[in-house]
N, C-alpha and C. Protein backbone atom coordinates (compact mmCIF):
# COMPACT_ATOMS: atom_id res chain seq x y z
N MET A 1 -24.33 -164.92 -54.40
CA MET A 1 -24.49 -164.95 -52.96
C MET A 1 -24.80 -166.38 -52.54
N GLY A 2 -24.52 -166.64 -51.29
CA GLY A 2 -24.86 -167.94 -50.75
C GLY A 2 -26.30 -167.97 -50.25
N ARG A 3 -26.74 -169.16 -49.88
CA ARG A 3 -28.12 -169.35 -49.43
C ARG A 3 -28.46 -168.49 -48.22
N LYS A 4 -27.56 -168.44 -47.24
CA LYS A 4 -27.86 -167.67 -46.02
C LYS A 4 -27.97 -166.18 -46.32
N THR A 5 -27.13 -165.68 -47.23
CA THR A 5 -27.24 -164.27 -47.63
C THR A 5 -28.57 -164.04 -48.31
N TRP A 6 -28.97 -164.94 -49.21
CA TRP A 6 -30.27 -164.86 -49.89
C TRP A 6 -31.40 -164.81 -48.86
N GLU A 7 -31.35 -165.72 -47.90
CA GLU A 7 -32.41 -165.78 -46.90
C GLU A 7 -32.41 -164.58 -45.96
N SER A 8 -31.27 -163.88 -45.85
CA SER A 8 -31.22 -162.69 -44.99
C SER A 8 -31.87 -161.47 -45.63
N ILE A 9 -32.11 -161.53 -46.91
CA ILE A 9 -32.79 -160.44 -47.62
C ILE A 9 -34.29 -160.62 -47.42
N PRO A 10 -35.01 -159.59 -46.97
CA PRO A 10 -36.45 -159.74 -46.79
C PRO A 10 -37.12 -160.22 -48.08
N GLU A 11 -38.07 -161.12 -47.94
CA GLU A 11 -38.75 -161.68 -49.11
C GLU A 11 -39.28 -160.61 -50.05
N SER A 12 -39.77 -159.51 -49.49
CA SER A 12 -40.33 -158.45 -50.31
C SER A 12 -39.27 -157.75 -51.16
N LYS A 13 -37.99 -157.95 -50.85
CA LYS A 13 -36.89 -157.31 -51.58
C LYS A 13 -36.14 -158.29 -52.49
N ARG A 14 -36.60 -159.57 -52.53
CA ARG A 14 -35.94 -160.58 -53.34
C ARG A 14 -36.74 -160.87 -54.59
N PRO A 15 -36.09 -161.16 -55.68
CA PRO A 15 -34.66 -160.95 -55.92
C PRO A 15 -34.34 -159.46 -55.97
N LEU A 16 -33.06 -159.13 -55.73
CA LEU A 16 -32.64 -157.73 -55.78
C LEU A 16 -32.91 -157.17 -57.18
N LYS A 17 -33.40 -155.95 -57.24
CA LYS A 17 -33.82 -155.35 -58.51
C LYS A 17 -32.64 -154.95 -59.38
N ASN A 18 -32.92 -154.86 -60.67
CA ASN A 18 -32.00 -154.33 -61.67
C ASN A 18 -30.69 -155.11 -61.80
N ARG A 19 -30.75 -156.40 -61.55
CA ARG A 19 -29.58 -157.25 -61.70
C ARG A 19 -30.03 -158.71 -61.74
N ILE A 20 -29.15 -159.55 -62.22
CA ILE A 20 -29.40 -160.99 -62.16
C ILE A 20 -28.87 -161.44 -60.80
N ASN A 21 -29.71 -162.09 -60.03
CA ASN A 21 -29.30 -162.63 -58.73
C ASN A 21 -28.87 -164.08 -58.94
N VAL A 22 -27.76 -164.45 -58.34
CA VAL A 22 -27.26 -165.82 -58.43
C VAL A 22 -27.07 -166.32 -57.00
N VAL A 23 -27.68 -167.45 -56.70
CA VAL A 23 -27.54 -168.06 -55.38
C VAL A 23 -26.81 -169.38 -55.55
N LEU A 24 -25.78 -169.58 -54.74
CA LEU A 24 -25.05 -170.85 -54.73
C LEU A 24 -25.51 -171.63 -53.51
N THR A 25 -26.04 -172.81 -53.73
CA THR A 25 -26.52 -173.65 -52.64
C THR A 25 -26.49 -175.11 -53.08
N THR A 26 -26.22 -175.99 -52.13
CA THR A 26 -26.26 -177.42 -52.44
C THR A 26 -27.65 -178.00 -52.21
N GLY A 27 -28.52 -177.22 -51.58
CA GLY A 27 -29.89 -177.67 -51.34
C GLY A 27 -30.78 -177.38 -52.52
N ASP A 28 -32.04 -177.75 -52.38
CA ASP A 28 -32.99 -177.51 -53.48
C ASP A 28 -34.20 -176.68 -53.03
N SER A 29 -34.04 -175.92 -51.95
CA SER A 29 -35.17 -175.15 -51.43
C SER A 29 -35.38 -173.83 -52.19
N ILE A 30 -34.39 -173.39 -52.95
CA ILE A 30 -34.50 -172.14 -53.70
C ILE A 30 -34.69 -172.48 -55.17
N LYS A 31 -35.78 -172.01 -55.71
CA LYS A 31 -36.12 -172.33 -57.10
C LYS A 31 -35.81 -171.14 -58.00
N PRO A 32 -35.20 -171.39 -59.17
CA PRO A 32 -34.95 -170.30 -60.12
C PRO A 32 -36.26 -169.61 -60.49
N GLN A 33 -36.17 -168.32 -60.74
CA GLN A 33 -37.31 -167.53 -61.19
C GLN A 33 -36.76 -166.37 -62.00
N GLU A 34 -37.60 -165.45 -62.41
CA GLU A 34 -37.11 -164.31 -63.18
C GLU A 34 -36.05 -163.56 -62.38
N ASN A 35 -34.92 -163.28 -63.00
CA ASN A 35 -33.78 -162.59 -62.40
C ASN A 35 -33.13 -163.35 -61.25
N LEU A 36 -33.37 -164.65 -61.17
CA LEU A 36 -32.74 -165.48 -60.13
C LEU A 36 -32.26 -166.79 -60.73
N MET A 37 -30.95 -167.02 -60.64
CA MET A 37 -30.35 -168.28 -61.07
C MET A 37 -29.83 -168.99 -59.83
N VAL A 38 -29.90 -170.30 -59.84
CA VAL A 38 -29.43 -171.09 -58.70
C VAL A 38 -28.43 -172.12 -59.22
N PHE A 39 -27.26 -172.16 -58.58
CA PHE A 39 -26.21 -173.11 -58.96
C PHE A 39 -25.71 -173.82 -57.71
N SER A 40 -25.12 -174.99 -57.91
CA SER A 40 -24.63 -175.76 -56.76
C SER A 40 -23.19 -175.44 -56.40
N ASP A 41 -22.45 -174.77 -57.33
CA ASP A 41 -21.06 -174.46 -57.00
C ASP A 41 -20.57 -173.26 -57.79
N PHE A 42 -19.48 -172.69 -57.33
CA PHE A 42 -18.88 -171.48 -57.88
C PHE A 42 -18.46 -171.70 -59.34
N ASP A 43 -17.78 -172.82 -59.62
CA ASP A 43 -17.29 -173.09 -60.97
C ASP A 43 -18.41 -173.13 -62.00
N THR A 44 -19.49 -173.82 -61.68
CA THR A 44 -20.62 -173.93 -62.60
C THR A 44 -21.24 -172.55 -62.83
N ALA A 45 -21.38 -171.78 -61.77
CA ALA A 45 -21.94 -170.43 -61.90
C ALA A 45 -21.07 -169.57 -62.80
N LEU A 46 -19.75 -169.57 -62.56
CA LEU A 46 -18.84 -168.76 -63.38
C LEU A 46 -18.89 -169.18 -64.85
N THR A 47 -18.91 -170.47 -65.10
CA THR A 47 -18.96 -170.97 -66.49
C THR A 47 -20.23 -170.48 -67.16
N HIS A 48 -21.36 -170.62 -66.49
CA HIS A 48 -22.64 -170.20 -67.07
C HIS A 48 -22.68 -168.68 -67.29
N LEU A 49 -22.26 -167.92 -66.29
CA LEU A 49 -22.31 -166.47 -66.39
C LEU A 49 -21.36 -165.93 -67.45
N ALA A 50 -20.22 -166.59 -67.66
CA ALA A 50 -19.26 -166.16 -68.68
C ALA A 50 -19.85 -166.28 -70.08
N GLN A 51 -20.81 -167.18 -70.25
CA GLN A 51 -21.44 -167.39 -71.56
C GLN A 51 -22.67 -166.51 -71.77
N ASP A 52 -23.12 -165.82 -70.73
CA ASP A 52 -24.33 -165.00 -70.80
C ASP A 52 -23.96 -163.59 -71.26
N LEU A 53 -24.41 -163.20 -72.42
CA LEU A 53 -24.05 -161.90 -72.99
C LEU A 53 -24.61 -160.73 -72.19
N LYS A 54 -25.59 -160.96 -71.34
CA LYS A 54 -26.15 -159.88 -70.51
C LYS A 54 -25.30 -159.59 -69.29
N VAL A 55 -24.33 -160.44 -69.01
CA VAL A 55 -23.50 -160.29 -67.81
C VAL A 55 -22.21 -159.56 -68.16
N ASN A 56 -22.03 -158.39 -67.54
CA ASN A 56 -20.80 -157.61 -67.75
C ASN A 56 -19.87 -157.70 -66.55
N GLU A 57 -20.45 -157.76 -65.36
CA GLU A 57 -19.68 -157.80 -64.12
C GLU A 57 -20.35 -158.77 -63.17
N ILE A 58 -19.54 -159.35 -62.31
CA ILE A 58 -20.06 -160.25 -61.28
C ILE A 58 -19.59 -159.71 -59.93
N PHE A 59 -20.50 -159.58 -59.00
CA PHE A 59 -20.19 -159.14 -57.65
C PHE A 59 -20.52 -160.25 -56.68
N VAL A 60 -19.62 -160.54 -55.76
CA VAL A 60 -19.87 -161.49 -54.68
C VAL A 60 -20.33 -160.66 -53.49
N ILE A 61 -21.53 -160.97 -52.97
CA ILE A 61 -22.08 -160.16 -51.87
C ILE A 61 -22.24 -160.96 -50.58
N GLY A 62 -21.66 -162.12 -50.50
CA GLY A 62 -21.72 -162.92 -49.27
C GLY A 62 -22.16 -164.32 -49.57
N GLY A 63 -21.90 -165.19 -48.70
CA GLY A 63 -21.30 -165.16 -47.41
C GLY A 63 -19.80 -165.35 -47.42
N SER A 64 -19.32 -165.62 -46.24
CA SER A 64 -17.87 -165.65 -46.02
C SER A 64 -17.16 -166.71 -46.87
N SER A 65 -17.77 -167.87 -47.07
CA SER A 65 -17.10 -168.91 -47.87
C SER A 65 -17.00 -168.49 -49.34
N LEU A 66 -17.96 -167.71 -49.83
CA LEU A 66 -17.88 -167.22 -51.21
C LEU A 66 -16.84 -166.12 -51.33
N TYR A 67 -16.76 -165.24 -50.32
CA TYR A 67 -15.69 -164.24 -50.32
C TYR A 67 -14.33 -164.93 -50.35
N GLU A 68 -14.18 -165.92 -49.49
CA GLU A 68 -12.91 -166.65 -49.40
C GLU A 68 -12.57 -167.32 -50.74
N ALA A 69 -13.56 -167.99 -51.34
CA ALA A 69 -13.32 -168.66 -52.62
C ALA A 69 -12.98 -167.67 -53.72
N SER A 70 -13.64 -166.51 -53.73
CA SER A 70 -13.35 -165.53 -54.78
C SER A 70 -11.96 -164.93 -54.64
N MET A 71 -11.42 -164.93 -53.42
CA MET A 71 -10.10 -164.34 -53.20
C MET A 71 -8.98 -165.37 -53.15
N THR A 72 -9.32 -166.66 -53.26
CA THR A 72 -8.30 -167.70 -53.23
C THR A 72 -8.43 -168.59 -54.47
N THR A 73 -9.32 -169.53 -54.45
CA THR A 73 -9.50 -170.48 -55.54
C THR A 73 -9.76 -169.79 -56.87
N HIS A 74 -10.55 -168.72 -56.85
CA HIS A 74 -10.95 -168.02 -58.08
C HIS A 74 -10.32 -166.64 -58.18
N LYS A 75 -9.17 -166.43 -57.55
CA LYS A 75 -8.56 -165.10 -57.50
C LYS A 75 -8.19 -164.56 -58.88
N ASP A 76 -7.98 -165.44 -59.86
CA ASP A 76 -7.66 -164.96 -61.20
C ASP A 76 -8.85 -164.27 -61.86
N HIS A 77 -10.04 -164.55 -61.37
CA HIS A 77 -11.25 -163.89 -61.89
C HIS A 77 -11.61 -162.65 -61.09
N CYS A 78 -11.03 -162.50 -59.93
CA CYS A 78 -11.36 -161.40 -59.02
C CYS A 78 -10.43 -160.22 -59.31
N LYS A 79 -11.01 -159.13 -59.78
CA LYS A 79 -10.20 -157.99 -60.17
C LYS A 79 -10.16 -156.88 -59.12
N LEU A 80 -11.14 -156.85 -58.24
CA LEU A 80 -11.24 -155.76 -57.29
C LEU A 80 -12.01 -156.22 -56.06
N VAL A 81 -11.54 -155.83 -54.90
CA VAL A 81 -12.28 -156.07 -53.66
C VAL A 81 -12.71 -154.71 -53.13
N VAL A 82 -14.01 -154.54 -52.95
CA VAL A 82 -14.55 -153.30 -52.39
C VAL A 82 -14.88 -153.61 -50.94
N ALA A 83 -14.18 -152.97 -50.03
CA ALA A 83 -14.36 -153.24 -48.60
C ALA A 83 -14.73 -151.96 -47.87
N THR A 84 -15.64 -152.08 -46.94
CA THR A 84 -15.99 -150.97 -46.06
C THR A 84 -15.68 -151.39 -44.64
N ARG A 85 -14.87 -150.62 -43.97
CA ARG A 85 -14.56 -150.89 -42.57
C ARG A 85 -15.56 -150.09 -41.73
N ILE A 86 -16.34 -150.79 -40.94
CA ILE A 86 -17.32 -150.15 -40.05
C ILE A 86 -16.67 -150.01 -38.69
N ASN A 87 -16.47 -148.80 -38.27
CA ASN A 87 -15.76 -148.54 -37.02
C ASN A 87 -16.71 -148.63 -35.82
N LYS A 88 -17.12 -149.83 -35.57
CA LYS A 88 -18.00 -150.13 -34.45
C LYS A 88 -17.80 -151.59 -34.10
N LYS A 89 -17.92 -151.92 -32.84
CA LYS A 89 -17.78 -153.32 -32.41
C LYS A 89 -19.12 -154.03 -32.59
N PHE A 90 -19.06 -155.23 -33.17
CA PHE A 90 -20.24 -156.06 -33.35
C PHE A 90 -19.96 -157.44 -32.79
N GLU A 91 -20.96 -158.05 -32.22
CA GLU A 91 -20.83 -159.43 -31.80
C GLU A 91 -21.07 -160.30 -33.03
N CYS A 92 -20.06 -161.05 -33.43
CA CYS A 92 -20.20 -161.85 -34.64
C CYS A 92 -19.35 -163.11 -34.53
N ASP A 93 -19.61 -164.05 -35.43
CA ASP A 93 -18.88 -165.31 -35.40
C ASP A 93 -18.26 -165.67 -36.75
N THR A 94 -18.35 -164.76 -37.72
CA THR A 94 -17.81 -165.01 -39.05
C THR A 94 -16.88 -163.87 -39.43
N PHE A 95 -15.72 -164.22 -39.97
CA PHE A 95 -14.73 -163.21 -40.30
C PHE A 95 -14.15 -163.48 -41.68
N ILE A 96 -13.69 -162.41 -42.32
CA ILE A 96 -13.00 -162.51 -43.60
C ILE A 96 -11.54 -162.21 -43.35
N LYS A 97 -10.67 -162.90 -44.05
CA LYS A 97 -9.24 -162.70 -43.82
C LYS A 97 -8.86 -161.24 -44.01
N ASP A 98 -7.79 -160.85 -43.40
CA ASP A 98 -7.30 -159.48 -43.43
C ASP A 98 -6.84 -159.13 -44.85
N LEU A 99 -7.53 -158.23 -45.51
CA LEU A 99 -7.19 -157.86 -46.87
C LEU A 99 -5.85 -157.13 -46.97
N GLU A 100 -5.52 -156.36 -45.92
CA GLU A 100 -4.28 -155.60 -45.96
C GLU A 100 -3.05 -156.50 -46.01
N SER A 101 -3.16 -157.73 -45.51
CA SER A 101 -2.01 -158.63 -45.52
C SER A 101 -2.09 -159.65 -46.67
N SER A 102 -3.03 -159.45 -47.58
CA SER A 102 -3.19 -160.36 -48.70
C SER A 102 -2.01 -160.27 -49.66
N GLU A 103 -1.59 -161.40 -50.19
CA GLU A 103 -0.51 -161.43 -51.18
C GLU A 103 -1.02 -161.06 -52.57
N HIS A 104 -2.31 -161.27 -52.82
CA HIS A 104 -2.88 -161.08 -54.15
C HIS A 104 -3.49 -159.70 -54.35
N PHE A 105 -4.01 -159.09 -53.28
CA PHE A 105 -4.71 -157.82 -53.41
C PHE A 105 -3.96 -156.71 -52.69
N SER A 106 -3.86 -155.57 -53.34
CA SER A 106 -3.27 -154.39 -52.73
C SER A 106 -4.38 -153.39 -52.49
N PRO A 107 -4.54 -152.92 -51.27
CA PRO A 107 -5.63 -151.99 -51.02
C PRO A 107 -5.41 -150.66 -51.76
N LEU A 108 -6.44 -150.25 -52.50
CA LEU A 108 -6.43 -148.94 -53.13
C LEU A 108 -7.01 -147.93 -52.16
N PHE A 109 -8.12 -148.34 -51.55
CA PHE A 109 -8.81 -147.47 -50.61
C PHE A 109 -9.78 -148.33 -49.82
N VAL A 110 -9.79 -148.16 -48.53
CA VAL A 110 -10.76 -148.84 -47.67
C VAL A 110 -11.62 -147.74 -47.07
N SER A 111 -12.90 -147.72 -47.45
CA SER A 111 -13.77 -146.67 -46.94
C SER A 111 -14.04 -146.90 -45.46
N GLN A 112 -14.31 -145.82 -44.76
CA GLN A 112 -14.56 -145.87 -43.32
C GLN A 112 -16.00 -145.42 -43.07
N THR A 113 -16.72 -146.16 -42.28
CA THR A 113 -18.08 -145.79 -41.92
C THR A 113 -18.15 -145.70 -40.40
N TYR A 114 -18.68 -144.61 -39.91
CA TYR A 114 -18.84 -144.42 -38.48
C TYR A 114 -20.32 -144.42 -38.15
N SER A 115 -20.72 -145.14 -37.10
CA SER A 115 -22.13 -145.13 -36.74
C SER A 115 -22.31 -144.75 -35.30
């Protein structure tokens, strides 16, 4: 996850339980701790995680630049995109490219959530 995603998680819930949390940031305000690794870029994180025998799967959970990088620059490492379409209008300023028109990914199923 990126720094903003990390900071959006309430402090009482960080790091997320039962997994290794990885934060990508160019700053130095986030310090590694138990179950939390901090890297400055995607490539370094992937290299380190590939060598860690405890790591079986890697999930990108935000933000938008990491989603974009995982589906473009690092698409050879990305095996599956899990997307949930929330059928509600939200005021927002960040968007992810349309997965249905992607050349690399074919939608298997896009779950629908109604609120």
